[in-house]
Amino acid sequence: MTTMTRIALLLLAAALMASPGGPATAQVASPGLVPSTLPPPPPPPSPPPPQVYVPQVPKLDAPQPTPRAQLPNQRRSFGDRITDCLTDGNAARLSPNDRAAYSRACANQ
């Protein structure tokens, strides 16, 4: 080989060794260098959770509400009942004896 060819081969070998390595070097990240691409934006905030309504729970140590005493319907007096029964018997045109029997039975119901 000629000297010229040897020098050309040596220069070619030196150039190949000094070259960065082609397309594979684009993926190598050197420390301290700022990346050319921006990081992805943060995700949007999540919506607030739905409101949960909790029903009112009775407390065990709370006093129970006392029910109001229910008074029975007060019965009308015996005299008032007799008067109404006599009036009904008179309207039915009962005789005095039948009216007396009817009014006693009616008032005692």
C-alpha atoms as a PDB file:
ATOM      1  CA  MET A   1       0.000   0.000   0.000  1.00  0.00           C
ATOM      2  CA  THR A   2       1.072   3.379  -0.685  1.00  0.00           C
ATOM      3  CA  THR A   3       1.631   5.968   1.922  1.00  0.00           C
ATOM      4  CA  MET A   4      -1.206   8.042   0.595  1.00  0.00           C
ATOM      5  CA  THR A   5      -3.631   5.158   0.980  1.00  0.00           C
ATOM      6  CA  ARG A   6      -2.363   4.470   4.470  1.00  0.00           C
ATOM      7  CA  ILE A   7      -2.831   8.052   5.537  1.00  0.00           C
ATOM      8  CA  ALA A   8      -6.332   8.080   4.060  1.00  0.00           C
ATOM      9  CA  LEU A   9      -7.223   4.887   5.938  1.00  0.00           C
ATOM     10  CA  LEU A  10      -5.814   6.260   9.196  1.00  0.00           C
ATOM     11  CA  LEU A  11      -7.749   9.490   8.791  1.00  0.00           C
ATOM     12  CA  LEU A  12     -10.894   7.540   8.002  1.00  0.00           C
ATOM     13  CA  ALA A  13     -10.418   5.333  11.068  1.00  0.00           C
ATOM     14  CA  ALA A  14      -9.761   8.381  13.267  1.00  0.00           C
ATOM     15  CA  ALA A  15     -12.844  10.100  11.895  1.00  0.00           C
ATOM     16  CA  LEU A  16     -14.986   7.037  12.583  1.00  0.00           C
ATOM     17  CA  MET A  17     -13.688   6.777  16.132  1.00  0.00           C
ATOM     18  CA  ALA A  18     -14.208  10.452  16.814  1.00  0.00           C
ATOM     19  CA  SER A  19     -17.712  10.541  15.371  1.00  0.00           C
ATOM     20  CA  PRO A  20     -20.547  10.497  17.952  1.00  0.00           C
ATOM     21  CA  GLY A  21     -22.067   7.255  16.703  1.00  0.00           C
ATOM     22  CA  GLY A  22     -24.842   8.176  14.307  1.00  0.00           C
ATOM     23  CA  PRO A  23     -28.584   8.120  15.061  1.00  0.00           C
ATOM     24  CA  ALA A  24     -28.226   6.091  18.282  1.00  0.00           C
ATOM     25  CA  THR A  25     -26.548   8.987  20.059  1.00  0.00           C
ATOM     26  CA  ALA A  26     -29.689  11.108  19.807  1.00  0.00           C
ATOM     27  CA  GLN A  27     -31.274   8.960  22.521  1.00  0.00           C
ATOM     28  CA  VAL A  28     -28.445   9.281  25.009  1.00  0.00           C
ATOM     29  CA  ALA A  29     -29.200  11.927  27.609  1.00  0.00           C
ATOM     30  CA  SER A  30     -26.216  13.681  29.051  1.00  0.00           C
ATOM     31  CA  PRO A  31     -26.523  14.873  32.662  1.00  0.00           C
ATOM     32  CA  GLY A  32     -26.772  18.616  33.032  1.00  0.00           C
ATOM     33  CA  LEU A  33     -28.348  19.230  29.633  1.00  0.00           C
ATOM     34  CA  VAL A  34     -31.837  20.731  29.438  1.00  0.00           C
ATOM     35  CA  PRO A  35     -34.176  18.496  27.449  1.00  0.00           C
ATOM     36  CA  SER A  36     -35.440  20.065  24.269  1.00  0.00           C
ATOM     37  CA  THR A  37     -39.005  18.748  24.738  1.00  0.00           C
ATOM     38  CA  LEU A  38     -41.402  20.103  27.355  1.00  0.00           C
ATOM     39  CA  PRO A  39     -42.828  17.756  29.974  1.00  0.00           C
ATOM     40  CA  PRO A  40     -46.513  16.863  29.554  1.00  0.00           C
ATOM     41  CA  PRO A  41     -48.971  19.244  31.231  1.00  0.00           C
ATOM     42  CA  PRO A  42     -50.443  18.184  34.573  1.00  0.00           C
ATOM     43  CA  PRO A  43     -53.840  16.469  34.425  1.00  0.00           C
ATOM     44  CA  PRO A  44     -56.908  18.649  35.075  1.00  0.00           C
ATOM     45  CA  PRO A  45     -58.171  18.687  38.657  1.00  0.00           C
ATOM     46  CA  SER A  46     -60.696  16.009  39.476  1.00  0.00           C
ATOM     47  CA  PRO A  47     -64.301  17.110  40.088  1.00  0.00           C
ATOM     48  CA  PRO A  48     -65.400  17.412  43.719  1.00  0.00           C
ATOM     49  CA  PRO A  49     -67.000  14.292  45.196  1.00  0.00           C
ATOM     50  CA  PRO A  50     -70.807  14.276  45.414  1.00  0.00           C
ATOM     51  CA  GLN A  51     -72.373  15.340  48.675  1.00  0.00           C
ATOM     52  CA  VAL A  52     -73.659  12.559  50.886  1.00  0.00           C
ATOM     53  CA  TYR A  53     -76.630  13.336  53.089  1.00  0.00           C
ATOM     54  CA  VAL A  54     -76.659  11.310  56.286  1.00  0.00           C
ATOM     55  CA  PRO A  55     -80.062  10.834  57.935  1.00  0.00           C
ATOM     56  CA  GLN A  56     -80.569  11.938  61.520  1.00  0.00           C
ATOM     57  CA  VAL A  57     -79.939   9.005  63.853  1.00  0.00           C
ATOM     58  CA  PRO A  58     -81.659   9.023  67.252  1.00  0.00           C
ATOM     59  CA  LYS A  59     -79.286   9.061  70.194  1.00  0.00           C
ATOM     60  CA  LEU A  60     -79.465   6.203  72.670  1.00  0.00           C
ATOM     61  CA  ASP A  61     -78.976   8.385  75.730  1.00  0.00           C
ATOM     62  CA  ALA A  62     -81.481  11.037  74.625  1.00  0.00           C
ATOM     63  CA  PRO A  63     -84.805  11.016  76.482  1.00  0.00           C
ATOM     64  CA  GLN A  64     -87.665   9.576  74.494  1.00  0.00           C
ATOM     65  CA  PRO A  65     -90.418  12.014  73.630  1.00  0.00           C
ATOM     66  CA  THR A  66     -93.360  11.195  75.834  1.00  0.00           C
ATOM     67  CA  PRO A  67     -96.619  10.752  73.966  1.00  0.00           C
ATOM     68  CA  ARG A  68     -99.414  12.985  75.080  1.00  0.00           C
ATOM     69  CA  ALA A  69    -102.085  11.248  77.063  1.00  0.00           C
ATOM     70  CA  GLN A  70    -105.079  10.663  74.875  1.00  0.00           C
ATOM     71  CA  LEU A  71    -108.189  11.309  76.820  1.00  0.00           C
ATOM     72  CA  PRO A  72    -111.171   9.230  75.804  1.00  0.00           C
ATOM     73  CA  ASN A  73    -114.059  11.132  74.352  1.00  0.00           C
ATOM     74  CA  GLN A  74    -115.960  12.317  77.338  1.00  0.00           C
ATOM     75  CA  ARG A  75    -119.396  10.779  77.447  1.00  0.00           C
ATOM     76  CA  ARG A  76    -122.286  13.148  77.722  1.00  0.00           C
ATOM     77  CA  SER A  77    -124.169  13.236  80.981  1.00  0.00           C
ATOM     78  CA  PHE A  78    -126.999  10.782  81.614  1.00  0.00           C
ATOM     79  CA  GLY A  79    -129.550  13.597  81.684  1.00  0.00           C
ATOM     80  CA  ASP A  80    -128.437  14.873  78.259  1.00  0.00           C
ATOM     81  CA  ARG A  81    -128.624  11.375  76.806  1.00  0.00           C
ATOM     82  CA  ILE A  82    -132.112  10.769  78.267  1.00  0.00           C
ATOM     83  CA  THR A  83    -133.327  14.073  76.837  1.00  0.00           C
ATOM     84  CA  ASP A  84    -132.072  13.167  73.346  1.00  0.00           C
ATOM     85  CA  CYS A  85    -133.587   9.666  73.561  1.00  0.00           C
ATOM     86  CA  LEU A  86    -136.954  11.023  74.736  1.00  0.00           C
ATOM     87  CA  THR A  87    -136.947  13.483  71.857  1.00  0.00           C
ATOM     88  CA  ASP A  88    -136.201  10.666  69.392  1.00  0.00           C
ATOM     89  CA  GLY A  89    -138.980   8.517  70.906  1.00  0.00           C
ATOM     90  CA  ASN A  90    -141.426  11.404  70.737  1.00  0.00           C
ATOM     91  CA  ALA A  91    -140.497  11.985  67.077  1.00  0.00           C
ATOM     92  CA  ALA A  92    -141.232   8.306  66.431  1.00  0.00           C
ATOM     93  CA  ARG A  93    -144.730   8.812  68.008  1.00  0.00           C
ATOM     94  CA  LEU A  94    -144.192   6.227  70.741  1.00  0.00           C
ATOM     95  CA  SER A  95    -146.680   5.904  73.600  1.00  0.00           C
ATOM     96  CA  PRO A  96    -145.521   7.158  77.021  1.00  0.00           C
ATOM     97  CA  ASN A  97    -144.744   3.612  78.273  1.00  0.00           C
ATOM     98  CA  ASP A  98    -142.869   2.683  75.072  1.00  0.00           C
ATOM     99  CA  ARG A  99    -141.055   6.025  75.149  1.00  0.00           C
ATOM    100  CA  ALA A 100    -139.861   5.385  78.732  1.00  0.00           C
ATOM    101  CA  ALA A 101    -138.562   1.912  77.839  1.00  0.00           C
ATOM    102  CA  TYR A 102    -136.908   3.246  74.700  1.00  0.00           C
ATOM    103  CA  SER A 103    -135.244   6.166  76.486  1.00  0.00           C
ATOM    104  CA  ARG A 104    -133.817   3.895  79.249  1.00  0.00           C
ATOM    105  CA  ALA A 105    -132.399   1.453  76.701  1.00  0.00           C
ATOM    106  CA  CYS A 106    -131.126   4.260  74.486  1.00  0.00           C
ATOM    107  CA  ALA A 107    -129.413   6.221  77.292  1.00  0.00           C
ATOM    108  CA  ASN A 108    -127.629   3.156  78.718  1.00  0.00           C
ATOM    109  CA  GLN A 109    -125.901   2.246  75.453  1.00  0.00           C
END
